């Protein structure tokens, strides 16, 4: 209704001005009968009202469609009254829909090509890195350790790039299956053995009961746990241990990583999962990309898990991955 009156406001204003001019002509021409003037104005208003009433109710669906935003592109195919204007609008929206579909297909194709390129590039870069590591083993210390340390950092960066690219099509990248949490923790610890030794931080595994198994994607859980452990070690601030806990609580399975390092300032806690946000600790330690926790949160949400964080400045931080009772196969 509001849109209708906005469209016809000029017509109504012109008609009112016209009634006023006709009334003045009657007066100037010597007609002094007010009743005749009022009757003429009444007829004009009556016919104007009839026209507006018919015009609105014959195109009511059309105006409602213009006033209501589209909820999806498929709504472009809605039909209204078959008037010239509504038919022209339908034709325009259909053409726009086809244009958007073509552009989306082009972008999806470009994205797939980009993902394939990133995947191939990362794997190609891992080969020369392995050669560099093998060559470094023949060198004397401390050169050998320094080179291997830098190659590990490059590998971590390459993996982050790879998972960032995969995040765009994460639904197609999932392979949900039963995963034993203690086994995935041992695999991550083996992968990060030299990282622990280099930073003089050693993990302690606490298991409430053996064989806690959950439904998840093993590859993505490996990446998530690696990111949490990497942060725990990086911000340990001289403490020599971190604790990795596996337990059940109210039917849910919990995988927990606790460090005793610098902790997260309260001003940063609400933004730690934002992309590229490094926070106070990231600027202080100068090794943070701001993408690790973002990728972790996104992957956890797509997997249907939950993540919680507790932190105290100077006392440490705990990240908690929670697997729902339906995902916890041990409790079934």
C-alpha atoms as a PDB file:
ATOM      1  CA  UNK A   1       0.000   0.000   0.000  1.00  0.00           C
ATOM      2  CA  UNK A   2       2.792   2.422   0.892  1.00  0.00           C
ATOM      3  CA  UNK A   3       4.554   1.780  -2.434  1.00  0.00           C
ATOM      4  CA  UNK A   4       1.271   2.292  -4.304  1.00  0.00           C
ATOM      5  CA  UNK A   5       0.696   5.721  -2.754  1.00  0.00           C
ATOM      6  CA  UNK A   6       4.299   6.717  -3.390  1.00  0.00           C
ATOM      7  CA  UNK A   7       3.862   5.855  -7.067  1.00  0.00           C
ATOM      8  CA  UNK A   8       0.566   7.811  -7.394  1.00  0.00           C
ATOM      9  CA  UNK A   9       1.383  10.728  -5.096  1.00  0.00           C
ATOM     10  CA  UNK A  10       2.101  13.022  -8.043  1.00  0.00           C
ATOM     11  CA  UNK A  11      -1.189  12.047  -9.748  1.00  0.00           C
ATOM     12  CA  UNK A  12      -3.156  12.788  -6.562  1.00  0.00           C
ATOM     13  CA  UNK A  13      -1.371  16.138  -6.131  1.00  0.00           C
ATOM     14  CA  UNK A  14      -2.119  17.123  -9.764  1.00  0.00           C
ATOM     15  CA  UNK A  15      -5.779  16.166  -9.360  1.00  0.00           C
ATOM     16  CA  UNK A  16      -6.115  18.224  -6.166  1.00  0.00           C
ATOM     17  CA  UNK A  17      -4.513  21.197  -7.952  1.00  0.00           C
ATOM     18  CA  UNK A  18      -6.876  20.659 -10.876  1.00  0.00           C
ATOM     19  CA  UNK A  19      -9.943  20.693  -8.574  1.00  0.00           C
ATOM     20  CA  UNK A  20      -8.736  23.925  -7.029  1.00  0.00           C
ATOM     21  CA  UNK A  21      -8.196  25.576 -10.441  1.00  0.00           C
ATOM     22  CA  UNK A  22     -11.659  24.474 -11.675  1.00  0.00           C
ATOM     23  CA  UNK A  23     -13.221  25.915  -8.512  1.00  0.00           C
ATOM     24  CA  UNK A  24     -11.434  29.226  -9.052  1.00  0.00           C
ATOM     25  CA  UNK A  25     -12.566  29.342 -12.714  1.00  0.00           C
ATOM     26  CA  UNK A  26     -16.155  28.887 -11.582  1.00  0.00           C
ATOM     27  CA  UNK A  27     -15.757  31.727  -9.088  1.00  0.00           C
ATOM     28  CA  UNK A  28     -14.095  34.070 -11.587  1.00  0.00           C
ATOM     29  CA  UNK A  29     -16.764  33.338 -14.189  1.00  0.00           C
ATOM     30  CA  UNK A  30     -19.470  34.543 -11.858  1.00  0.00           C
ATOM     31  CA  UNK A  31     -20.864  31.269 -10.530  1.00  0.00           C
ATOM     32  CA  UNK A  32     -21.666  31.833  -6.880  1.00  0.00           C
ATOM     33  CA  UNK A  33     -23.391  28.488  -6.154  1.00  0.00           C
ATOM     34  CA  UNK A  34     -21.121  26.672  -3.742  1.00  0.00           C
ATOM     35  CA  UNK A  35     -23.157  23.497  -4.089  1.00  0.00           C
ATOM     36  CA  UNK A  36     -22.361  23.249  -7.826  1.00  0.00           C
ATOM     37  CA  UNK A  37     -18.654  23.716  -7.149  1.00  0.00           C
ATOM     38  CA  UNK A  38     -18.681  21.101  -4.388  1.00  0.00           C
ATOM     39  CA  UNK A  39     -20.602  18.691  -6.607  1.00  0.00           C
ATOM     40  CA  UNK A  40     -18.018  19.081  -9.356  1.00  0.00           C
ATOM     41  CA  UNK A  41     -15.155  18.480  -6.908  1.00  0.00           C
ATOM     42  CA  UNK A  42     -17.005  15.492  -5.451  1.00  0.00           C
ATOM     43  CA  UNK A  43     -17.392  13.896  -8.899  1.00  0.00           C
ATOM     44  CA  UNK A  44     -13.700  14.416  -9.604  1.00  0.00           C
ATOM     45  CA  UNK A  45     -12.697  12.873  -6.254  1.00  0.00           C
ATOM     46  CA  UNK A  46     -15.144   9.996  -6.767  1.00  0.00           C
ATOM     47  CA  UNK A  47     -13.775   9.045 -10.183  1.00  0.00           C
ATOM     48  CA  UNK A  48     -10.192   9.473  -8.962  1.00  0.00           C
ATOM     49  CA  UNK A  49     -10.934   7.216  -5.973  1.00  0.00           C
ATOM     50  CA  UNK A  50     -12.556   4.590  -8.223  1.00  0.00           C
ATOM     51  CA  UNK A  51      -9.533   4.603 -10.485  1.00  0.00           C
ATOM     52  CA  UNK A  52      -7.071   4.283  -7.598  1.00  0.00           C
ATOM     53  CA  UNK A  53      -9.160   1.543  -5.949  1.00  0.00           C
ATOM     54  CA  UNK A  54      -9.368  -0.505  -9.149  1.00  0.00           C
ATOM     55  CA  UNK A  55      -5.710   0.071  -9.994  1.00  0.00           C
ATOM     56  CA  UNK A  56      -4.534  -1.075  -6.547  1.00  0.00           C
ATOM     57  CA  UNK A  57      -6.667  -4.195  -6.209  1.00  0.00           C
ATOM     58  CA  UNK A  58      -6.022  -5.292  -9.791  1.00  0.00           C
ATOM     59  CA  UNK A  59      -2.258  -5.130  -9.105  1.00  0.00           C
ATOM     60  CA  UNK A  60      -2.181  -5.922  -5.407  1.00  0.00           C
ATOM     61  CA  UNK A  61       0.100  -8.972  -5.764  1.00  0.00           C
ATOM     62  CA  UNK A  62       2.427  -6.980  -7.966  1.00  0.00           C
ATOM     63  CA  UNK A  63       2.926  -4.250  -5.343  1.00  0.00           C
ATOM     64  CA  UNK A  64       3.337  -6.794  -2.554  1.00  0.00           C
ATOM     65  CA  UNK A  65       6.001  -8.563  -4.595  1.00  0.00           C
ATOM     66  CA  UNK A  66       7.889  -5.292  -5.101  1.00  0.00           C
ATOM     67  CA  UNK A  67       7.711  -4.515  -1.378  1.00  0.00           C
ATOM     68  CA  UNK A  68       8.888  -7.969  -0.218  1.00  0.00           C
ATOM     69  CA  UNK A  69      12.597  -8.848  -0.629  1.00  0.00           C
ATOM     70  CA  UNK A  70      13.533 -12.071  -2.406  1.00  0.00           C
ATOM     71  CA  UNK A  71      14.467 -14.919  -0.065  1.00  0.00           C
ATOM     72  CA  UNK A  72      16.161 -16.922  -2.824  1.00  0.00           C
ATOM     73  CA  UNK A  73      16.945 -16.626  -6.521  1.00  0.00           C
ATOM     74  CA  UNK A  74      14.187 -19.143  -7.278  1.00  0.00           C
ATOM     75  CA  UNK A  75      11.644 -16.536  -6.133  1.00  0.00           C
ATOM     76  CA  UNK A  76      12.432 -14.697  -9.368  1.00  0.00           C
ATOM     77  CA  UNK A  77      10.038 -17.081 -11.133  1.00  0.00           C
ATOM     78  CA  UNK A  78       7.004 -15.994  -9.107  1.00  0.00           C
ATOM     79  CA  UNK A  79       4.143 -14.744 -11.249  1.00  0.00           C
ATOM     80  CA  UNK A  80       1.749 -11.897 -10.508  1.00  0.00           C
ATOM     81  CA  UNK A  81      -1.109 -10.277 -12.439  1.00  0.00           C
ATOM     82  CA  UNK A  82      -0.540 -10.410 -16.191  1.00  0.00           C
ATOM     83  CA  UNK A  83      -0.247  -6.690 -16.795  1.00  0.00           C
ATOM     84  CA  UNK A  84       2.358  -5.177 -19.124  1.00  0.00           C
ATOM     85  CA  UNK A  85       4.481  -3.853 -16.237  1.00  0.00           C
ATOM     86  CA  UNK A  86       4.393  -7.102 -14.214  1.00  0.00           C
ATOM     87  CA  UNK A  87       5.179  -9.173 -17.321  1.00  0.00           C
ATOM     88  CA  UNK A  88       8.142  -6.904 -18.062  1.00  0.00           C
ATOM     89  CA  UNK A  89       9.332  -7.336 -14.457  1.00  0.00           C
ATOM     90  CA  UNK A  90       8.991 -11.135 -14.682  1.00  0.00           C
ATOM     91  CA  UNK A  91      11.011 -11.139 -17.890  1.00  0.00           C
ATOM     92  CA  UNK A  92      13.701  -8.928 -16.342  1.00  0.00           C
ATOM     93  CA  UNK A  93      14.018 -11.112 -13.223  1.00  0.00           C
ATOM     94  CA  UNK A  94      14.241 -14.309 -15.280  1.00  0.00           C
ATOM     95  CA  UNK A  95      17.031 -12.829 -17.377  1.00  0.00           C
ATOM     96  CA  UNK A  96      18.779 -11.651 -14.214  1.00  0.00           C
ATOM     97  CA  UNK A  97      18.402 -15.130 -12.708  1.00  0.00           C
ATOM     98  CA  UNK A  98      19.988 -16.773 -15.750  1.00  0.00           C
ATOM     99  CA  UNK A  99      22.820 -14.212 -15.684  1.00  0.00           C
ATOM    100  CA  UNK A 100      23.529 -14.914 -12.000  1.00  0.00           C
ATOM    101  CA  UNK A 101      23.436 -18.682 -12.591  1.00  0.00           C
ATOM    102  CA  UNK A 102      25.972 -18.374 -15.401  1.00  0.00           C
ATOM    103  CA  UNK A 103      28.225 -16.190 -13.267  1.00  0.00           C
ATOM    104  CA  UNK A 104      27.966 -18.596 -10.328  1.00  0.00           C
ATOM    105  CA  UNK A 105      28.938 -21.533 -12.564  1.00  0.00           C
ATOM    106  CA  UNK A 106      31.933 -19.578 -13.866  1.00  0.00           C
ATOM    107  CA  UNK A 107      33.024 -18.676 -10.316  1.00  0.00           C
ATOM    108  CA  UNK A 108      32.579 -22.271  -9.117  1.00  0.00           C
ATOM    109  CA  UNK A 109      34.704 -23.503 -11.997  1.00  0.00           C
ATOM    110  CA  UNK A 110      37.390 -20.925 -11.211  1.00  0.00           C
ATOM    111  CA  UNK A 111      37.266 -21.907  -7.547  1.00  0.00           C
ATOM    112  CA  UNK A 112      37.685 -25.590  -8.386  1.00  0.00           C
ATOM    113  CA  UNK A 113      40.632 -24.796 -10.617  1.00  0.00           C
ATOM    114  CA  UNK A 114      42.171 -22.638  -7.887  1.00  0.00           C
ATOM    115  CA  UNK A 115      41.702 -25.414  -5.317  1.00  0.00           C
ATOM    116  CA  UNK A 116      43.328 -27.994  -7.606  1.00  0.00           C
ATOM    117  CA  UNK A 117      46.241 -25.651  -8.242  1.00  0.00           C
ATOM    118  CA  UNK A 118      46.735 -24.979  -4.520  1.00  0.00           C
ATOM    119  CA  UNK A 119      46.576 -28.688  -3.719  1.00  0.00           C
ATOM    120  CA  UNK A 120      49.122 -29.585  -6.405  1.00  0.00           C
ATOM    121  CA  UNK A 121      51.386 -26.670  -5.496  1.00  0.00           C
ATOM    122  CA  UNK A 122      51.464 -27.553  -1.789  1.00  0.00           C
ATOM    123  CA  UNK A 123      52.313 -31.188  -2.533  1.00  0.00           C
ATOM    124  CA  UNK A 124      54.980 -30.151  -5.030  1.00  0.00           C
ATOM    125  CA  UNK A 125      56.571 -27.862  -2.442  1.00  0.00           C
ATOM    126  CA  UNK A 126      56.706 -30.684   0.129  1.00  0.00           C
ATOM    127  CA  UNK A 127      59.051 -32.703  -2.072  1.00  0.00           C
ATOM    128  CA  UNK A 128      61.907 -30.134  -2.183  1.00  0.00           C
ATOM    129  CA  UNK A 129      61.369 -29.483   1.531  1.00  0.00           C
ATOM    130  CA  UNK A 130      61.927 -33.166   2.254  1.00  0.00           C
ATOM    131  CA  UNK A 131      65.121 -33.058   0.187  1.00  0.00           C
ATOM    132  CA  UNK A 132      66.291 -30.003   2.150  1.00  0.00           C
ATOM    133  CA  UNK A 133      65.603 -31.826   5.430  1.00  0.00           C
ATOM    134  CA  UNK A 134      67.595 -34.863   4.314  1.00  0.00           C
ATOM    135  CA  UNK A 135      70.459 -32.619   3.206  1.00  0.00           C
ATOM    136  CA  UNK A 136      70.354 -30.785   6.542  1.00  0.00           C
ATOM    137  CA  UNK A 137      70.931 -34.060   8.389  1.00  0.00           C
ATOM    138  CA  UNK A 138      74.417 -34.262   6.869  1.00  0.00           C
ATOM    139  CA  UNK A 139      75.346 -30.828   8.206  1.00  0.00           C
ATOM    140  CA  UNK A 140      76.877 -30.026  11.569  1.00  0.00           C
ATOM    141  CA  UNK A 141      74.976 -28.443  14.410  1.00  0.00           C
ATOM    142  CA  UNK A 142      73.566 -25.851  14.881  1.00  0.00           C
ATOM    143  CA  UNK A 143      73.098 -25.350  11.125  1.00  0.00           C
ATOM    144  CA  UNK A 144      71.261 -28.666  10.753  1.00  0.00           C
ATOM    145  CA  UNK A 145      68.696 -27.903  13.468  1.00  0.00           C
ATOM    146  CA  UNK A 146      68.145 -24.362  12.195  1.00  0.00           C
ATOM    147  CA  UNK A 147      67.399 -25.552   8.658  1.00  0.00           C
ATOM    148  CA  UNK A 148      65.029 -28.280   9.844  1.00  0.00           C
ATOM    149  CA  UNK A 149      63.259 -25.811  12.114  1.00  0.00           C
ATOM    150  CA  UNK A 150      62.649 -23.446   9.217  1.00  0.00           C
ATOM    151  CA  UNK A 151      61.460 -26.241   6.904  1.00  0.00           C
ATOM    152  CA  UNK A 152      58.957 -27.329   9.565  1.00  0.00           C
ATOM    153  CA  UNK A 153      57.630 -23.787   9.706  1.00  0.00           C
ATOM    154  CA  UNK A 154      57.277 -23.755   5.929  1.00  0.00           C
ATOM    155  CA  UNK A 155      55.433 -27.092   6.062  1.00  0.00           C
ATOM    156  CA  UNK A 156      53.042 -25.710   8.682  1.00  0.00           C
ATOM    157  CA  UNK A 157      52.376 -22.658   6.512  1.00  0.00           C
ATOM    158  CA  UNK A 158      51.785 -24.821   3.431  1.00  0.00           C
ATOM    159  CA  UNK A 159      49.312 -26.993   5.308  1.00  0.00           C
ATOM    160  CA  UNK A 160      47.460 -23.906   6.519  1.00  0.00           C
ATOM    161  CA  UNK A 161      47.206 -22.632   2.933  1.00  0.00           C
ATOM    162  CA  UNK A 162      45.958 -26.030   1.775  1.00  0.00           C
ATOM    163  CA  UNK A 163      43.254 -26.204   4.435  1.00  0.00           C
ATOM    164  CA  UNK A 164      42.214 -22.600   3.735  1.00  0.00           C
ATOM    165  CA  UNK A 165      41.642 -23.566   0.108  1.00  0.00           C
ATOM    166  CA  UNK A 166      39.748 -26.712   1.099  1.00  0.00           C
ATOM    167  CA  UNK A 167      37.558 -24.761   3.515  1.00  0.00           C
ATOM    168  CA  UNK A 168      35.647 -23.260   0.568  1.00  0.00           C
ATOM    169  CA  UNK A 169      34.402 -26.720  -0.404  1.00  0.00           C
ATOM    170  CA  UNK A 170      34.568 -28.299   3.023  1.00  0.00           C
ATOM    171  CA  UNK A 171      31.247 -30.153   2.692  1.00  0.00           C
ATOM    172  CA  UNK A 172      32.652 -32.191  -0.208  1.00  0.00           C
ATOM    173  CA  UNK A 173      35.949 -32.778   1.625  1.00  0.00           C
ATOM    174  CA  UNK A 174      34.450 -34.573   4.646  1.00  0.00           C
ATOM    175  CA  UNK A 175      34.755 -38.304   5.245  1.00  0.00           C
ATOM    176  CA  UNK A 176      32.918 -39.087   8.480  1.00  0.00           C
ATOM    177  CA  UNK A 177      33.911 -42.326  10.184  1.00  0.00           C
ATOM    178  CA  UNK A 178      34.598 -43.686  13.705  1.00  0.00           C
ATOM    179  CA  UNK A 179      37.830 -42.212  15.085  1.00  0.00           C
ATOM    180  CA  UNK A 180      39.492 -43.231  18.348  1.00  0.00           C
ATOM    181  CA  UNK A 181      40.567 -40.028  20.094  1.00  0.00           C
ATOM    182  CA  UNK A 182      43.631 -41.489  21.816  1.00  0.00           C
ATOM    183  CA  UNK A 183      44.922 -42.765  18.477  1.00  0.00           C
ATOM    184  CA  UNK A 184      44.574 -39.375  16.770  1.00  0.00           C
ATOM    185  CA  UNK A 185      46.349 -37.724  19.720  1.00  0.00           C
ATOM    186  CA  UNK A 186      49.274 -40.158  19.426  1.00  0.00           C
ATOM    187  CA  UNK A 187      49.521 -39.451  15.688  1.00  0.00           C
ATOM    188  CA  UNK A 188      49.582 -35.680  16.240  1.00  0.00           C
ATOM    189  CA  UNK A 189      52.201 -36.054  18.986  1.00  0.00           C
ATOM    190  CA  UNK A 190      54.408 -38.162  16.701  1.00  0.00           C
ATOM    191  CA  UNK A 191      54.068 -35.587  13.929  1.00  0.00           C
ATOM    192  CA  UNK A 192      55.064 -32.775  16.310  1.00  0.00           C
ATOM    193  CA  UNK A 193      57.815 -34.635  18.185  1.00  0.00           C
ATOM    194  CA  UNK A 194      60.646 -32.406  16.973  1.00  0.00           C
ATOM    195  CA  UNK A 195      58.461 -29.323  17.528  1.00  0.00           C
ATOM    196  CA  UNK A 196      58.042 -30.345  21.194  1.00  0.00           C
ATOM    197  CA  UNK A 197      61.754 -31.013  21.645  1.00  0.00           C
ATOM    198  CA  UNK A 198      62.799 -27.764  19.989  1.00  0.00           C
ATOM    199  CA  UNK A 199      60.532 -25.735  22.266  1.00  0.00           C
ATOM    200  CA  UNK A 200      61.300 -27.897  25.346  1.00  0.00           C
ATOM    201  CA  UNK A 201      57.605 -28.522  25.905  1.00  0.00           C
ATOM    202  CA  UNK A 202      56.347 -32.056  26.475  1.00  0.00           C
ATOM    203  CA  UNK A 203      52.750 -33.284  26.237  1.00  0.00           C
ATOM    204  CA  UNK A 204      51.015 -35.258  28.944  1.00  0.00           C
ATOM    205  CA  UNK A 205      48.062 -37.392  27.879  1.00  0.00           C
ATOM    206  CA  UNK A 206      45.280 -37.968  30.415  1.00  0.00           C
ATOM    207  CA  UNK A 207      42.600 -40.497  29.407  1.00  0.00           C
ATOM    208  CA  UNK A 208      39.518 -41.090  31.555  1.00  0.00           C
ATOM    209  CA  UNK A 209      38.850 -44.441  29.883  1.00  0.00           C
ATOM    210  CA  UNK A 210      40.337 -46.322  26.964  1.00  0.00           C
ATOM    211  CA  UNK A 211      38.654 -46.582  23.582  1.00  0.00           C
ATOM    212  CA  UNK A 212      36.638 -43.349  23.497  1.00  0.00           C
ATOM    213  CA  UNK A 213      35.520 -43.218  19.864  1.00  0.00           C
ATOM    214  CA  UNK A 214      33.639 -40.480  18.034  1.00  0.00           C
ATOM    215  CA  UNK A 215      32.199 -39.896  14.586  1.00  0.00           C
ATOM    216  CA  UNK A 216      34.224 -37.223  12.814  1.00  0.00           C
ATOM    217  CA  UNK A 217      36.568 -36.575   9.917  1.00  0.00           C
ATOM    218  CA  UNK A 218      40.008 -37.914  10.826  1.00  0.00           C
ATOM    219  CA  UNK A 219      41.954 -35.587   8.522  1.00  0.00           C
ATOM    220  CA  UNK A 220      40.239 -32.417   9.716  1.00  0.00           C
ATOM    221  CA  UNK A 221      40.398 -33.481  13.377  1.00  0.00           C
ATOM    222  CA  UNK A 222      44.145 -34.059  12.929  1.00  0.00           C
ATOM    223  CA  UNK A 223      44.466 -30.508  11.570  1.00  0.00           C
ATOM    224  CA  UNK A 224      42.294 -29.034  14.366  1.00  0.00           C
ATOM    225  CA  UNK A 225      44.237 -30.758  17.143  1.00  0.00           C
ATOM    226  CA  UNK A 226      47.549 -29.793  15.519  1.00  0.00           C
ATOM    227  CA  UNK A 227      46.514 -26.135  15.511  1.00  0.00           C
ATOM    228  CA  UNK A 228      45.493 -26.209  19.183  1.00  0.00           C
ATOM    229  CA  UNK A 229      48.707 -27.967  20.209  1.00  0.00           C
ATOM    230  CA  UNK A 230      50.799 -25.597  18.071  1.00  0.00           C
ATOM    231  CA  UNK A 231      49.239 -22.619  19.882  1.00  0.00           C
ATOM    232  CA  UNK A 232      49.638 -24.279  23.285  1.00  0.00           C
ATOM    233  CA  UNK A 233      53.354 -24.838  22.707  1.00  0.00           C
ATOM    234  CA  UNK A 234      53.920 -21.461  21.062  1.00  0.00           C
ATOM    235  CA  UNK A 235      52.398 -19.529  23.973  1.00  0.00           C
ATOM    236  CA  UNK A 236      53.716 -21.790  26.757  1.00  0.00           C
ATOM    237  CA  UNK A 237      56.085 -18.971  27.750  1.00  0.00           C
ATOM    238  CA  UNK A 238      58.774 -21.195  29.293  1.00  0.00           C
ATOM    239  CA  UNK A 239      56.482 -23.805  30.847  1.00  0.00           C
ATOM    240  CA  UNK A 240      57.618 -27.303  30.013  1.00  0.00           C
ATOM    241  CA  UNK A 241      54.324 -29.162  29.723  1.00  0.00           C
ATOM    242  CA  UNK A 242      50.896 -29.145  28.162  1.00  0.00           C
ATOM    243  CA  UNK A 243      48.057 -31.506  29.029  1.00  0.00           C
ATOM    244  CA  UNK A 244      45.892 -33.281  26.468  1.00  0.00           C
ATOM    245  CA  UNK A 245      42.797 -34.783  28.103  1.00  0.00           C
ATOM    246  CA  UNK A 246      40.195 -37.219  26.787  1.00  0.00           C
ATOM    247  CA  UNK A 247      37.091 -37.836  28.862  1.00  0.00           C
ATOM    248  CA  UNK A 248      33.315 -38.128  28.832  1.00  0.00           C
ATOM    249  CA  UNK A 249      30.855 -35.744  30.427  1.00  0.00           C
ATOM    250  CA  UNK A 250      27.077 -36.250  30.436  1.00  0.00           C
ATOM    251  CA  UNK A 251      27.269 -38.602  27.466  1.00  0.00           C
ATOM    252  CA  UNK A 252      29.460 -36.244  25.418  1.00  0.00           C
ATOM    253  CA  UNK A 253      33.077 -36.919  24.519  1.00  0.00           C
ATOM    254  CA  UNK A 254      35.592 -34.157  25.208  1.00  0.00           C
ATOM    255  CA  UNK A 255      39.073 -33.584  23.791  1.00  0.00           C
ATOM    256  CA  UNK A 256      40.908 -30.899  25.748  1.00  0.00           C
ATOM    257  CA  UNK A 257      44.240 -29.110  25.262  1.00  0.00           C
ATOM    258  CA  UNK A 258      45.587 -27.139  28.234  1.00  0.00           C
ATOM    259  CA  UNK A 259      48.713 -25.017  28.452  1.00  0.00           C
ATOM    260  CA  UNK A 260      50.141 -23.059  31.381  1.00  0.00           C
ATOM    261  CA  UNK A 261      51.473 -20.125  29.425  1.00  0.00           C
ATOM    262  CA  UNK A 262      50.666 -16.473  28.916  1.00  0.00           C
ATOM    263  CA  UNK A 263      46.871 -16.813  28.642  1.00  0.00           C
ATOM    264  CA  UNK A 264      44.598 -14.718  26.460  1.00  0.00           C
ATOM    265  CA  UNK A 265      43.761 -11.129  27.483  1.00  0.00           C
ATOM    266  CA  UNK A 266      40.057 -10.556  28.081  1.00  0.00           C
ATOM    267  CA  UNK A 267      39.904  -7.915  25.342  1.00  0.00           C
ATOM    268  CA  UNK A 268      41.000 -10.513  22.747  1.00  0.00           C
ATOM    269  CA  UNK A 269      38.836 -13.471  23.788  1.00  0.00           C
ATOM    270  CA  UNK A 270      35.790 -12.533  21.725  1.00  0.00           C
ATOM    271  CA  UNK A 271      37.840 -12.105  18.551  1.00  0.00           C
ATOM    272  CA  UNK A 272      40.319 -14.992  18.655  1.00  0.00           C
ATOM    273  CA  UNK A 273      38.277 -16.923  16.056  1.00  0.00           C
ATOM    274  CA  UNK A 274      38.115 -13.990  13.622  1.00  0.00           C
ATOM    275  CA  UNK A 275      40.176 -14.409  10.426  1.00  0.00           C
ATOM    276  CA  UNK A 276      43.599 -12.691  10.442  1.00  0.00           C
ATOM    277  CA  UNK A 277      43.131 -11.481  14.026  1.00  0.00           C
ATOM    278  CA  UNK A 278      46.404 -11.973  15.909  1.00  0.00           C
ATOM    279  CA  UNK A 279      45.623 -10.136  19.139  1.00  0.00           C
ATOM    280  CA  UNK A 280      48.077  -8.958  21.761  1.00  0.00           C
ATOM    281  CA  UNK A 281      49.885 -12.306  22.039  1.00  0.00           C
ATOM    282  CA  UNK A 282      50.202 -12.683  18.277  1.00  0.00           C
ATOM    283  CA  UNK A 283      51.866  -9.276  17.981  1.00  0.00           C
ATOM    284  CA  UNK A 284      54.136 -10.034  20.921  1.00  0.00           C
ATOM    285  CA  UNK A 285      55.339 -13.448  19.707  1.00  0.00           C
ATOM    286  CA  UNK A 286      55.288 -12.404  15.993  1.00  0.00           C
ATOM    287  CA  UNK A 287      54.587 -15.899  14.646  1.00  0.00           C
ATOM    288  CA  UNK A 288      50.834 -15.755  14.407  1.00  0.00           C
ATOM    289  CA  UNK A 289      48.966 -15.556  11.087  1.00  0.00           C
ATOM    290  CA  UNK A 290      45.555 -15.174  12.715  1.00  0.00           C
ATOM    291  CA  UNK A 291      44.157 -18.023  10.599  1.00  0.00           C
ATOM    292  CA  UNK A 292      44.725 -21.133  12.728  1.00  0.00           C
ATOM    293  CA  UNK A 293      41.872 -20.649  15.187  1.00  0.00           C
ATOM    294  CA  UNK A 294      39.606 -19.295  12.458  1.00  0.00           C
ATOM    295  CA  UNK A 295      40.069 -22.467  10.384  1.00  0.00           C
ATOM    296  CA  UNK A 296      39.656 -24.546  13.545  1.00  0.00           C
ATOM    297  CA  UNK A 297      36.336 -22.914  14.441  1.00  0.00           C
ATOM    298  CA  UNK A 298      34.992 -23.153  10.886  1.00  0.00           C
ATOM    299  CA  UNK A 299      35.906 -26.845  10.562  1.00  0.00           C
ATOM    300  CA  UNK A 300      34.449 -27.695  13.978  1.00  0.00           C
ATOM    301  CA  UNK A 301      31.158 -25.991  13.130  1.00  0.00           C
ATOM    302  CA  UNK A 302      30.896 -27.807   9.797  1.00  0.00           C
ATOM    303  CA  UNK A 303      31.612 -31.113  11.540  1.00  0.00           C
ATOM    304  CA  UNK A 304      28.820 -30.425  14.035  1.00  0.00           C
ATOM    305  CA  UNK A 305      31.137 -30.314  17.068  1.00  0.00           C
ATOM    306  CA  UNK A 306      31.532 -27.514  19.607  1.00  0.00           C
ATOM    307  CA  UNK A 307      34.579 -25.634  20.846  1.00  0.00           C
ATOM    308  CA  UNK A 308      34.977 -23.882  24.192  1.00  0.00           C
ATOM    309  CA  UNK A 309      37.799 -21.801  25.583  1.00  0.00           C
ATOM    310  CA  UNK A 310      38.837 -20.918  29.154  1.00  0.00           C
ATOM    311  CA  UNK A 311      41.785 -18.657  29.786  1.00  0.00           C
ATOM    312  CA  UNK A 312      43.454 -16.678  32.532  1.00  0.00           C
ATOM    313  CA  UNK A 313      46.258 -14.224  31.874  1.00  0.00           C
ATOM    314  CA  UNK A 314      49.518 -15.599  33.256  1.00  0.00           C
ATOM    315  CA  UNK A 315      47.954 -18.957  34.155  1.00  0.00           C
ATOM    316  CA  UNK A 316      47.240 -20.572  30.777  1.00  0.00           C
ATOM    317  CA  UNK A 317      44.512 -21.485  28.320  1.00  0.00           C
ATOM    318  CA  UNK A 318      42.262 -24.491  27.741  1.00  0.00           C
ATOM    319  CA  UNK A 319      40.581 -25.300  24.431  1.00  0.00           C
ATOM    320  CA  UNK A 320      37.865 -27.922  24.576  1.00  0.00           C
ATOM    321  CA  UNK A 321      36.416 -29.825  21.593  1.00  0.00           C
ATOM    322  CA  UNK A 322      33.034 -31.325  22.471  1.00  0.00           C
ATOM    323  CA  UNK A 323      31.512 -34.226  20.556  1.00  0.00           C
ATOM    324  CA  UNK A 324      27.761 -34.561  21.106  1.00  0.00           C
ATOM    325  CA  UNK A 325      26.202 -37.694  22.600  1.00  0.00           C
ATOM    326  CA  UNK A 326      25.101 -38.776  19.107  1.00  0.00           C
ATOM    327  CA  UNK A 327      28.695 -38.433  17.859  1.00  0.00           C
ATOM    328  CA  UNK A 328      30.129 -40.217  20.898  1.00  0.00           C
ATOM    329  CA  UNK A 329      30.013 -43.859  19.833  1.00  0.00           C
ATOM    330  CA  UNK A 330      31.424 -45.041  23.164  1.00  0.00           C
ATOM    331  CA  UNK A 331      28.288 -44.027  25.087  1.00  0.00           C
ATOM    332  CA  UNK A 332      25.922 -45.840  22.716  1.00  0.00           C
END
